[in-house]
Protein backbone atom coordinates (compact mmCIF):
# COMPACT_ATOMS: atom_id res chain seq x y z
CA ALA A 1 229.03 32.55 53.75
CA SER A 2 228.22 35.94 55.92
CA ALA A 3 224.98 35.49 55.49
CA ALA A 4 224.23 31.84 56.39
CA ILE A 5 226.24 32.45 59.49
CA LYS A 6 223.98 35.62 60.25
CA ARG A 7 220.66 33.81 59.39
CA TYR A 8 221.93 30.97 61.89
CA VAL A 9 222.53 33.08 64.40
CA GLU A 10 219.62 34.78 64.28
CA GLN A 11 217.67 31.88 64.36
CA GLY A 12 219.01 31.41 68.06
CA ASN A 13 221.81 28.90 67.57
CA ALA A 14 225.01 29.62 69.07
CA LEU A 15 228.36 29.29 68.00
CA ASN A 16 229.86 26.59 69.98
CA ALA A 17 232.39 24.35 69.33
CA THR A 18 230.84 22.84 66.22
CA ALA A 19 229.50 26.19 64.85
CA LEU A 20 233.06 27.20 65.04
CA ASP A 21 234.30 24.38 63.45
CA ALA A 22 232.18 24.44 60.54
CA ILE A 23 232.79 28.13 60.36
CA GLY A 24 236.47 27.58 60.14
CA ARG A 25 239.50 29.18 59.79
CA ARG A 26 238.17 30.18 56.07
CA TYR A 27 235.04 32.39 57.42
CA VAL A 28 236.08 33.49 60.84
CA CYS A 29 236.61 36.98 59.91
CA LEU A 30 233.04 37.26 58.46
CA LEU A 31 231.35 37.60 61.77
CA ASN A 32 230.41 41.05 62.72
CA SER A 33 231.16 41.77 66.09
CA THR A 34 227.57 40.77 67.64
CA GLU A 35 228.55 37.47 66.22
CA LEU A 36 231.62 37.46 67.59
CA GLN A 37 230.10 38.06 71.00
CA ALA A 38 227.78 35.41 70.95
CA ILE A 39 230.65 32.91 70.82
CA HIS A 40 230.55 31.02 73.97
CA PRO A 41 234.28 31.21 75.48
CA PRO A 42 234.84 27.62 76.40
CA SER A 43 233.89 26.48 72.88
CA LEU A 44 237.46 27.83 71.65
CA ARG A 45 238.64 25.04 73.48
CA LEU A 46 237.43 22.91 71.23
CA ALA A 47 237.59 24.92 68.00
CA SER A 48 240.84 25.70 66.13
CA LEU A 49 240.65 29.37 64.66
CA ASP A 50 243.33 31.56 63.07
CA PRO A 51 242.03 35.21 63.24
CA SER A 52 245.36 36.66 62.17
CA ALA A 53 243.96 37.92 58.82
CA CYS A 54 240.67 39.31 60.70
CA SER A 55 240.21 42.64 61.40
CA GLN A 56 241.66 44.35 64.71
CA GLU A 57 238.18 44.91 66.22
CA THR A 58 237.73 40.62 65.28
CA LYS A 59 241.32 39.93 66.87
CA ASN A 60 240.47 42.19 70.12
CA ILE A 61 237.26 40.15 70.27
CA LEU A 62 238.89 36.90 69.96
CA TYR A 63 241.33 37.39 72.23
CA GLN A 64 238.96 38.23 75.06
CA LYS A 65 237.00 35.39 74.42
CA ALA A 66 240.38 33.06 74.18
CA LYS A 67 241.76 34.58 77.69
CA GLU A 68 238.82 33.92 79.33
CA ALA A 69 238.41 30.10 77.22
CA PHE A 70 242.09 29.50 78.93
CA SER A 71 241.74 31.73 82.24
CA ASP A 72 242.44 28.51 84.48
CA GLN A 73 245.23 27.71 82.90
CA HIS A 74 247.47 30.74 82.75
CA HIS A 75 249.62 29.29 84.82
CA LEU A 76 250.32 26.46 82.58
CA PRO A 77 253.10 26.46 80.36
CA ALA A 78 250.91 25.16 77.87
CA TYR A 79 249.04 28.46 78.33
CA TYR A 80 251.04 30.31 75.94
CA GLU A 81 250.58 27.81 73.23
CA LEU A 82 246.68 27.79 73.61
CA ILE A 83 246.46 31.53 73.58
CA LEU A 84 248.79 32.08 70.41
CA PRO A 85 246.65 31.79 67.88
CA TYR A 86 244.87 34.96 69.46
CA LEU A 87 247.63 36.98 70.51
CA GLY A 88 247.02 39.85 67.95
CA GLY A 89 244.20 41.10 69.92
CA ALA A 90 246.27 41.23 73.45
CA PRO A 91 246.83 44.19 75.05
CA ALA A 92 249.84 45.73 76.78
CA VAL A 93 249.08 44.66 79.99
CA ASP A 94 248.46 40.98 78.86
CA LEU A 95 251.68 41.07 76.97
CA LYS A 96 253.55 42.29 79.55
CA ALA A 97 252.18 39.38 81.86
CA LEU A 98 253.23 36.94 79.43
CA SER A 99 256.60 38.65 79.36
CA LYS A 100 257.04 37.66 82.99
CA ASP A 101 256.32 34.02 81.82
CA ASP A 102 259.59 34.16 79.80
CA VAL A 103 257.98 32.93 76.81
CA ASN A 104 259.96 32.29 73.30
CA MET A 105 258.03 34.59 70.62
CA ASN A 106 258.56 33.93 67.22
CA ILE A 107 259.43 36.78 64.88
CA SER A 108 255.96 36.01 62.66
CA THR A 109 253.80 35.93 66.46
CA PHE A 110 255.20 39.17 67.16
CA LEU A 111 254.71 40.84 63.80
CA THR A 112 250.74 39.96 64.28
CA LEU A 113 250.78 41.97 67.97
CA ARG A 114 248.68 45.44 68.56
CA LYS A 115 251.23 48.28 67.77
CA GLU A 116 249.56 50.26 70.41
CA SER A 117 250.53 47.02 72.71
CA LEU A 118 254.02 47.02 72.36
CA VAL A 119 254.47 51.03 72.13
């Protein structure tokens, strides 16, 4: 799967919503940093990814992409639900901002947060 994804990207194909849906939750962790950087942030609005089992580097990159994808909604109550799958890559400053929005975070989500962001 990793070789197929690499070849797809090397041929100049974009990692848009259709490609991300094909990669899906199962293979998202196989993407390297170059492939992750190739993701067009608005594509995350239409794709359903779960980076919770991925490396911290992958979570960090996907969080930044998701933050950009949903930036126009950060003042809406639904923002937390949209960004939730990507919170494992959130820096401390963003977690502080969320805490001011009085979100209810369950313990399983809390446990996926970056330790250095919590400290």
